[in-house]
Amino acid sequence: MKTMYDTPTVSHSGRDEDQGSIAERIERHIDDKLCGRIRYLHVACPDGLIVLQGRSRTYHAKQLAQEAAFDLTDDTPRLVNEIVVY
């Protein structure tokens, strides 16, 4: 299923990459590292920005999700962490 974020982009390394596939890769990496501790996880990558969304029981898990997103980026990206702690 295509979303509005599935448009080609150029990463910092100069490779053409699909923003949707970048978001999916980050989402899988976060889910693998945190073993499902972020519920309803969704990652979007519009215009070089990484947006994390979901729900977490702890601020620690929220921070770990952010760090996991940074694991897969070339440079320090712009990141918005909208994960809600409940």
PDB file of N, CA and C in Angstrom:
ATOM      1  N   MET A   1       0.839  -1.173   0.000  1.00  0.00           N
ATOM      2  CA  MET A   1       0.000   0.000   0.000  1.00  0.00           C
ATOM      3  C   MET A   1       0.887   1.240   0.000  1.00  0.00           C
ATOM      4  N   LYS A   2       0.680   2.122  -0.917  1.00  0.00           N
ATOM      5  CA  LYS A   2       1.458   3.360  -1.018  1.00  0.00           C
ATOM      6  C   LYS A   2       0.878   4.414  -0.088  1.00  0.00           C
ATOM      7  N   THR A   3       1.765   5.236   0.479  1.00  0.00           N
ATOM      8  CA  THR A   3       1.341   6.376   1.284  1.00  0.00           C
ATOM      9  C   THR A   3       1.915   7.626   0.664  1.00  0.00           C
ATOM     10  N   MET A   4       1.576   8.767   1.221  1.00  0.00           N
ATOM     11  CA  MET A   4       2.090  10.020   0.683  1.00  0.00           C
ATOM     12  C   MET A   4       3.592  10.158   0.894  1.00  0.00           C
ATOM     13  N   TYR A   5       4.189   9.297   1.723  1.00  0.00           N
ATOM     14  CA  TYR A   5       5.618   9.378   1.997  1.00  0.00           C
ATOM     15  C   TYR A   5       6.444   8.469   1.087  1.00  0.00           C
ATOM     16  N   ASP A   6       5.799   7.787   0.145  1.00  0.00           N
ATOM     17  CA  ASP A   6       6.494   6.836  -0.720  1.00  0.00           C
ATOM     18  C   ASP A   6       7.052   7.502  -1.975  1.00  0.00           C
ATOM     19  N   THR A   7       7.765   8.592  -1.818  1.00  0.00           N
ATOM     20  CA  THR A   7       8.377   9.262  -2.955  1.00  0.00           C
ATOM     21  C   THR A   7       9.882   9.124  -2.849  1.00  0.00           C
ATOM     22  N   PRO A   8      10.578   9.024  -3.980  1.00  0.00           N
ATOM     23  CA  PRO A   8      12.033   8.869  -3.926  1.00  0.00           C
ATOM     24  C   PRO A   8      12.718  10.072  -3.291  1.00  0.00           C
ATOM     25  N   THR A   9      13.812   9.812  -2.625  1.00  0.00           N
ATOM     26  CA  THR A   9      14.610  10.872  -2.021  1.00  0.00           C
ATOM     27  C   THR A   9      16.073  10.514  -2.149  1.00  0.00           C
ATOM     28  N   VAL A  10      16.944  11.448  -1.919  1.00  0.00           N
ATOM     29  CA  VAL A  10      18.378  11.190  -1.928  1.00  0.00           C
ATOM     30  C   VAL A  10      18.863  11.259  -0.496  1.00  0.00           C
ATOM     31  N   SER A  11      19.485  10.185  -0.026  1.00  0.00           N
ATOM     32  CA  SER A  11      20.019  10.183   1.332  1.00  0.00           C
ATOM     33  C   SER A  11      21.301  10.993   1.372  1.00  0.00           C
ATOM     34  N   HIS A  12      21.841  11.194   2.566  1.00  0.00           N
ATOM     35  CA  HIS A  12      23.072  11.957   2.721  1.00  0.00           C
ATOM     36  C   HIS A  12      24.243  11.308   1.996  1.00  0.00           C
ATOM     37  N   SER A  13      24.171  10.014   1.787  1.00  0.00           N
ATOM     38  CA  SER A  13      25.262   9.328   1.100  1.00  0.00           C
ATOM     39  C   SER A  13      25.128   9.412  -0.412  1.00  0.00           C
ATOM     40  N   GLY A  14      24.044  10.028  -0.924  1.00  0.00           N
ATOM     41  CA  GLY A  14      23.877  10.210  -2.346  1.00  0.00           C
ATOM     42  C   GLY A  14      23.100   9.098  -3.027  1.00  0.00           C
ATOM     43  N   ARG A  15      22.665   8.084  -2.291  1.00  0.00           N
ATOM     44  CA  ARG A  15      21.891   6.992  -2.882  1.00  0.00           C
ATOM     45  C   ARG A  15      20.431   7.412  -2.988  1.00  0.00           C
ATOM     46  N   ASP A  16      19.773   6.991  -4.076  1.00  0.00           N
ATOM     47  CA  ASP A  16      18.337   7.183  -4.173  1.00  0.00           C
ATOM     48  C   ASP A  16      17.677   6.109  -3.326  1.00  0.00           C
ATOM     49  N   GLU A  17      16.810   6.541  -2.427  1.00  0.00           N
ATOM     50  CA  GLU A  17      16.096   5.581  -1.603  1.00  0.00           C
ATOM     51  C   GLU A  17      14.644   5.996  -1.514  1.00  0.00           C
ATOM     52  N   ASP A  18      13.799   5.047  -1.348  1.00  0.00           N
ATOM     53  CA  ASP A  18      12.380   5.281  -1.202  1.00  0.00           C
ATOM     54  C   ASP A  18      12.093   5.621   0.257  1.00  0.00           C
ATOM     55  N   GLN A  19      11.443   6.753   0.509  1.00  0.00           N
ATOM     56  CA  GLN A  19      11.193   7.175   1.887  1.00  0.00           C
ATOM     57  C   GLN A  19      10.353   6.158   2.639  1.00  0.00           C
ATOM     58  N   GLY A  20       9.418   5.513   1.955  1.00  0.00           N
ATOM     59  CA  GLY A  20       8.606   4.490   2.602  1.00  0.00           C
ATOM     60  C   GLY A  20       9.445   3.319   3.062  1.00  0.00           C
ATOM     61  N   SER A  21      10.420   2.900   2.244  1.00  0.00           N
ATOM     62  CA  SER A  21      11.249   1.763   2.637  1.00  0.00           C
ATOM     63  C   SER A  21      12.190   2.145   3.777  1.00  0.00           C
ATOM     64  N   ILE A  22      12.643   3.385   3.813  1.00  0.00           N
ATOM     65  CA  ILE A  22      13.466   3.852   4.940  1.00  0.00           C
ATOM     66  C   ILE A  22      12.643   3.786   6.227  1.00  0.00           C
ATOM     67  N   ALA A  23      11.415   4.296   6.161  1.00  0.00           N
ATOM     68  CA  ALA A  23      10.534   4.279   7.330  1.00  0.00           C
ATOM     69  C   ALA A  23      10.272   2.850   7.789  1.00  0.00           C
ATOM     70  N   GLU A  24      10.028   1.949   6.847  1.00  0.00           N
ATOM     71  CA  GLU A  24       9.780   0.548   7.199  1.00  0.00           C
ATOM     72  C   GLU A  24      11.009  -0.083   7.841  1.00  0.00           C
ATOM     73  N   ARG A  25      12.187   0.232   7.310  1.00  0.00           N
ATOM     74  CA  ARG A  25      13.428  -0.320   7.862  1.00  0.00           C
ATOM     75  C   ARG A  25      13.655   0.179   9.289  1.00  0.00           C
ATOM     76  N   ILE A  26      13.423   1.465   9.523  1.00  0.00           N
ATOM     77  CA  ILE A  26      13.574   2.021  10.870  1.00  0.00           C
ATOM     78  C   ILE A  26      12.553   1.395  11.811  1.00  0.00           C
ATOM     79  N   GLU A  27      11.316   1.253  11.327  1.00  0.00           N
ATOM     80  CA  GLU A  27      10.261   0.662  12.145  1.00  0.00           C
ATOM     81  C   GLU A  27      10.612  -0.770  12.553  1.00  0.00           C
ATOM     82  N   ARG A  28      11.096  -1.578  11.602  1.00  0.00           N
ATOM     83  CA  ARG A  28      11.495  -2.958  11.916  1.00  0.00           C
ATOM     84  C   ARG A  28      12.647  -2.988  12.910  1.00  0.00           C
ATOM     85  N   HIS A  29      13.616  -2.083  12.725  1.00  0.00           N
ATOM     86  CA  HIS A  29      14.780  -2.042  13.616  1.00  0.00           C
ATOM     87  C   HIS A  29      14.353  -1.697  15.049  1.00  0.00           C
ATOM     88  N   ILE A  30      13.480  -0.709  15.185  1.00  0.00           N
ATOM     89  CA  ILE A  30      12.984  -0.333  16.518  1.00  0.00           C
ATOM     90  C   ILE A  30      12.241  -1.511  17.133  1.00  0.00           C
ATOM     91  N   ASP A  31      11.367  -2.139  16.362  1.00  0.00           N
ATOM     92  CA  ASP A  31      10.582  -3.256  16.893  1.00  0.00           C
ATOM     93  C   ASP A  31      11.482  -4.417  17.301  1.00  0.00           C
ATOM     94  N   ASP A  32      12.515  -4.690  16.501  1.00  0.00           N
ATOM     95  CA  ASP A  32      13.457  -5.767  16.840  1.00  0.00           C
ATOM     96  C   ASP A  32      14.224  -5.457  18.122  1.00  0.00           C
ATOM     97  N   LYS A  33      14.714  -4.233  18.251  1.00  0.00           N
ATOM     98  CA  LYS A  33      15.517  -3.866  19.429  1.00  0.00           C
ATOM     99  C   LYS A  33      14.692  -3.763  20.699  1.00  0.00           C
ATOM    100  N   LEU A  34      13.432  -3.335  20.574  1.00  0.00           N
ATOM    101  CA  LEU A  34      12.620  -3.105  21.760  1.00  0.00           C
ATOM    102  C   LEU A  34      11.605  -4.208  22.019  1.00  0.00           C
ATOM    103  N   CYS A  35      11.612  -5.245  21.210  1.00  0.00           N
ATOM    104  CA  CYS A  35      10.754  -6.422  21.419  1.00  0.00           C
ATOM    105  C   CYS A  35       9.291  -6.051  21.663  1.00  0.00           C
ATOM    106  N   GLY A  36       8.785  -5.122  20.869  1.00  0.00           N
ATOM    107  CA  GLY A  36       7.369  -4.775  20.961  1.00  0.00           C
ATOM    108  C   GLY A  36       6.989  -3.839  22.096  1.00  0.00           C
ATOM    109  N   ARG A  37       7.961  -3.195  22.743  1.00  0.00           N
ATOM    110  CA  ARG A  37       7.634  -2.295  23.859  1.00  0.00           C
ATOM    111  C   ARG A  37       6.986  -0.989  23.406  1.00  0.00           C
ATOM    112  N   ILE A  38       7.038  -0.697  22.098  1.00  0.00           N
ATOM    113  CA  ILE A  38       6.327   0.461  21.565  1.00  0.00           C
ATOM    114  C   ILE A  38       5.104  -0.094  20.839  1.00  0.00           C
ATOM    115  N   ARG A  39       3.934   0.217  21.352  1.00  0.00           N
ATOM    116  CA  ARG A  39       2.699  -0.262  20.742  1.00  0.00           C
ATOM    117  C   ARG A  39       2.265   0.714  19.666  1.00  0.00           C
ATOM    118  N   TYR A  40       1.625   0.180  18.639  1.00  0.00           N
ATOM    119  CA  TYR A  40       1.114   0.981  17.519  1.00  0.00           C
ATOM    120  C   TYR A  40       2.227   1.818  16.880  1.00  0.00           C
ATOM    121  N   LEU A  41       3.414   1.258  16.797  1.00  0.00           N
ATOM    122  CA  LEU A  41       4.568   1.970  16.250  1.00  0.00           C
ATOM    123  C   LEU A  41       4.342   2.313  14.787  1.00  0.00           C
ATOM    124  N   HIS A  42       4.614   3.561  14.457  1.00  0.00           N
ATOM    125  CA  HIS A  42       4.562   4.020  13.067  1.00  0.00           C
ATOM    126  C   HIS A  42       5.702   5.008  12.860  1.00  0.00           C
ATOM    127  N   VAL A  43       6.442   4.833  11.764  1.00  0.00           N
ATOM    128  CA  VAL A  43       7.538   5.738  11.424  1.00  0.00           C
ATOM    129  C   VAL A  43       7.239   6.337  10.057  1.00  0.00           C
ATOM    130  N   ALA A  44       7.384   7.647   9.945  1.00  0.00           N
ATOM    131  CA  ALA A  44       7.228   8.340   8.671  1.00  0.00           C
ATOM    132  C   ALA A  44       8.484   9.167   8.431  1.00  0.00           C
ATOM    133  N   CYS A  45       8.830   9.340   7.166  1.00  0.00           N
ATOM    134  CA  CYS A  45      10.046  10.086   6.808  1.00  0.00           C
ATOM    135  C   CYS A  45       9.761  11.131   5.729  1.00  0.00           C
ATOM    136  N   PRO A  46       8.968  12.137   6.027  1.00  0.00           N
ATOM    137  CA  PRO A  46       8.705  13.171   5.025  1.00  0.00           C
ATOM    138  C   PRO A  46       9.848  14.184   4.955  1.00  0.00           C
ATOM    139  N   ASP A  47      10.353  14.451   3.762  1.00  0.00           N
ATOM    140  CA  ASP A  47      11.343  15.511   3.527  1.00  0.00           C
ATOM    141  C   ASP A  47      12.554  15.464   4.455  1.00  0.00           C
ATOM    142  N   GLY A  48      13.138  14.283   4.642  1.00  0.00           N
ATOM    143  CA  GLY A  48      14.341  14.161   5.455  1.00  0.00           C
ATOM    144  C   GLY A  48      14.104  14.210   6.954  1.00  0.00           C
ATOM    145  N   LEU A  49      12.863  14.255   7.376  1.00  0.00           N
ATOM    146  CA  LEU A  49      12.492  14.275   8.790  1.00  0.00           C
ATOM    147  C   LEU A  49      12.057  12.867   9.183  1.00  0.00           C
ATOM    148  N   ILE A  50      12.452  12.421  10.365  1.00  0.00           N
ATOM    149  CA  ILE A  50      11.984  11.130  10.878  1.00  0.00           C
ATOM    150  C   ILE A  50      10.966  11.422  11.970  1.00  0.00           C
ATOM    151  N   VAL A  51       9.773  10.848  11.834  1.00  0.00           N
ATOM    152  CA  VAL A  51       8.705  11.046  12.818  1.00  0.00           C
ATOM    153  C   VAL A  51       8.373   9.687  13.421  1.00  0.00           C
ATOM    154  N   LEU A  52       8.537   9.577  14.735  1.00  0.00           N
ATOM    155  CA  LEU A  52       8.205   8.349  15.463  1.00  0.00           C
ATOM    156  C   LEU A  52       6.866   8.554  16.149  1.00  0.00           C
ATOM    157  N   GLN A  53       5.965   7.595  15.990  1.00  0.00           N
ATOM    158  CA  GLN A  53       4.659   7.660  16.642  1.00  0.00           C
ATOM    159  C   GLN A  53       4.346   6.308  17.251  1.00  0.00           C
ATOM    160  N   GLY A  54       3.595   6.319  18.320  1.00  0.00           N
ATOM    161  CA  GLY A  54       3.191   5.090  18.979  1.00  0.00           C
ATOM    162  C   GLY A  54       2.916   5.352  20.445  1.00  0.00           C
ATOM    163  N   ARG A  55       2.847   4.277  21.207  1.00  0.00           N
ATOM    164  CA  ARG A  55       2.564   4.378  22.640  1.00  0.00           C
ATOM    165  C   ARG A  55       3.551   3.498  23.407  1.00  0.00           C
ATOM    166  N   SER A  56       3.995   4.000  24.551  1.00  0.00           N
ATOM    167  CA  SER A  56       4.950   3.270  25.371  1.00  0.00           C
ATOM    168  C   SER A  56       4.543   3.376  26.834  1.00  0.00           C
ATOM    169  N   ARG A  57       4.895   2.387  27.611  1.00  0.00           N
ATOM    170  CA  ARG A  57       4.616   2.443  29.055  1.00  0.00           C
ATOM    171  C   ARG A  57       5.692   3.210  29.813  1.00  0.00           C
ATOM    172  N   THR A  58       6.889   3.383  29.222  1.00  0.00           N
ATOM    173  CA  THR A  58       7.976   4.053  29.942  1.00  0.00           C
ATOM    174  C   THR A  58       8.688   5.070  29.053  1.00  0.00           C
ATOM    175  N   TYR A  59       9.246   6.089  29.703  1.00  0.00           N
ATOM    176  CA  TYR A  59      10.062   7.072  28.988  1.00  0.00           C
ATOM    177  C   TYR A  59      11.358   6.428  28.492  1.00  0.00           C
ATOM    178  N   HIS A  60      11.830   5.432  29.218  1.00  0.00           N
ATOM    179  CA  HIS A  60      13.050   4.729  28.811  1.00  0.00           C
ATOM    180  C   HIS A  60      12.857   4.059  27.456  1.00  0.00           C
ATOM    181  N   ALA A  61      11.742   3.373  27.261  1.00  0.00           N
ATOM    182  CA  ALA A  61      11.464   2.724  25.977  1.00  0.00           C
ATOM    183  C   ALA A  61      11.323   3.768  24.870  1.00  0.00           C
ATOM    184  N   LYS A  62      10.720   4.911  25.190  1.00  0.00           N
ATOM    185  CA  LYS A  62      10.597   5.999  24.217  1.00  0.00           C
ATOM    186  C   LYS A  62      11.983   6.464  23.775  1.00  0.00           C
ATOM    187  N   GLN A  63      12.893   6.632  24.717  1.00  0.00           N
ATOM    188  CA  GLN A  63      14.256   7.064  24.415  1.00  0.00           C
ATOM    189  C   GLN A  63      15.009   5.996  23.621  1.00  0.00           C
ATOM    190  N   LEU A  64      14.837   4.728  23.987  1.00  0.00           N
ATOM    191  CA  LEU A  64      15.493   3.649  23.258  1.00  0.00           C
ATOM    192  C   LEU A  64      15.018   3.589  21.806  1.00  0.00           C
ATOM    193  N   ALA A  65      13.742   3.853  21.575  1.00  0.00           N
ATOM    194  CA  ALA A  65      13.213   3.874  20.213  1.00  0.00           C
ATOM    195  C   ALA A  65      13.878   4.978  19.404  1.00  0.00           C
ATOM    196  N   GLN A  66      14.061   6.125  20.023  1.00  0.00           N
ATOM    197  CA  GLN A  66      14.726   7.243  19.355  1.00  0.00           C
ATOM    198  C   GLN A  66      16.166   6.887  19.007  1.00  0.00           C
ATOM    199  N   GLU A  67      16.877   6.290  19.941  1.00  0.00           N
ATOM    200  CA  GLU A  67      18.260   5.897  19.692  1.00  0.00           C
ATOM    201  C   GLU A  67      18.345   4.825  18.606  1.00  0.00           C
ATOM    202  N   ALA A  68      17.387   3.911  18.569  1.00  0.00           N
ATOM    203  CA  ALA A  68      17.370   2.877  17.531  1.00  0.00           C
ATOM    204  C   ALA A  68      17.164   3.509  16.156  1.00  0.00           C
ATOM    205  N   ALA A  69      16.354   4.560  16.078  1.00  0.00           N
ATOM    206  CA  ALA A  69      16.160   5.262  14.804  1.00  0.00           C
ATOM    207  C   ALA A  69      17.466   5.903  14.359  1.00  0.00           C
ATOM    208  N   PHE A  70      18.221   6.466  15.284  1.00  0.00           N
ATOM    209  CA  PHE A  70      19.509   7.080  14.962  1.00  0.00           C
ATOM    210  C   PHE A  70      20.526   6.041  14.475  1.00  0.00           C
ATOM    211  N   ASP A  71      20.377   4.769  14.890  1.00  0.00           N
ATOM    212  CA  ASP A  71      21.291   3.708  14.458  1.00  0.00           C
ATOM    213  C   ASP A  71      21.348   3.581  12.936  1.00  0.00           C
ATOM    214  N   LEU A  72      20.250   3.881  12.263  1.00  0.00           N
ATOM    215  CA  LEU A  72      20.147   3.632  10.830  1.00  0.00           C
ATOM    216  C   LEU A  72      20.286   4.888   9.983  1.00  0.00           C
ATOM    217  N   THR A  73      20.790   5.966  10.541  1.00  0.00           N
ATOM    218  CA  THR A  73      20.914   7.203   9.776  1.00  0.00           C
ATOM    219  C   THR A  73      22.379   7.539   9.549  1.00  0.00           C
ATOM    220  N   ASP A  74      22.665   8.208   8.446  1.00  0.00           N
ATOM    221  CA  ASP A  74      24.033   8.575   8.084  1.00  0.00           C
ATOM    222  C   ASP A  74      24.559   9.704   8.967  1.00  0.00           C
ATOM    223  N   ASP A  75      23.816  10.776   9.036  1.00  0.00           N
ATOM    224  CA  ASP A  75      24.183  11.942   9.828  1.00  0.00           C
ATOM    225  C   ASP A  75      23.133  12.129  10.909  1.00  0.00           C
ATOM    226  N   THR A  76      23.290  13.166  11.695  1.00  0.00           N
ATOM    227  CA  THR A  76      22.275  13.462  12.699  1.00  0.00           C
ATOM    228  C   THR A  76      21.056  14.027  11.983  1.00  0.00           C
ATOM    229  N   PRO A  77      19.984  13.247  11.891  1.00  0.00           N
ATOM    230  CA  PRO A  77      18.804  13.719  11.171  1.00  0.00           C
ATOM    231  C   PRO A  77      17.911  14.576  12.066  1.00  0.00           C
ATOM    232  N   ARG A  78      16.966  15.191  11.429  1.00  0.00           N
ATOM    233  CA  ARG A  78      15.912  15.861  12.193  1.00  0.00           C
ATOM    234  C   ARG A  78      14.932  14.775  12.596  1.00  0.00           C
ATOM    235  N   LEU A  79      14.651  14.685  13.877  1.00  0.00           N
ATOM    236  CA  LEU A  79      13.777  13.627  14.380  1.00  0.00           C
ATOM    237  C   LEU A  79      12.756  14.234  15.321  1.00  0.00           C
ATOM    238  N   VAL A  80      11.499  13.805  15.151  1.00  0.00           N
ATOM    239  CA  VAL A  80      10.426  14.200  16.039  1.00  0.00           C
ATOM    240  C   VAL A  80       9.917  12.917  16.707  1.00  0.00           C
ATOM    241  N   ASN A  81      10.003  12.880  18.028  1.00  0.00           N
ATOM    242  CA  ASN A  81       9.566  11.705  18.778  1.00  0.00           C
ATOM    243  C   ASN A  81       8.197  12.003  19.377  1.00  0.00           C
ATOM    244  N   GLU A  82       7.157  11.510  18.711  1.00  0.00           N
ATOM    245  CA  GLU A  82       5.772  11.728  19.151  1.00  0.00           C
ATOM    246  C   GLU A  82       5.225  10.510  19.883  1.00  0.00           C
ATOM    247  N   ILE A  83       6.091   9.642  20.360  1.00  0.00           N
ATOM    248  CA  ILE A  83       5.639   8.471  21.112  1.00  0.00           C
ATOM    249  C   ILE A  83       5.056   8.954  22.432  1.00  0.00           C
ATOM    250  N   VAL A  84       3.860   8.500  22.731  1.00  0.00           N
ATOM    251  CA  VAL A  84       3.141   8.906  23.933  1.00  0.00           C
ATOM    252  C   VAL A  84       3.411   7.902  25.040  1.00  0.00           C
ATOM    253  N   VAL A  85       3.790   8.395  26.203  1.00  0.00           N
ATOM    254  CA  VAL A  85       3.989   7.531  27.374  1.00  0.00           C
ATOM    255  C   VAL A  85       2.698   7.558  28.187  1.00  0.00           C
ATOM    256  N   TYR A  86       2.157   6.383  28.455  1.00  0.00           N
ATOM    257  CA  TYR A  86       0.899   6.320  29.194  1.00  0.00           C
ATOM    258  C   TYR A  86       1.020   5.513  30.451  1.00  0.00           C
TER     259      TYR A  86
END
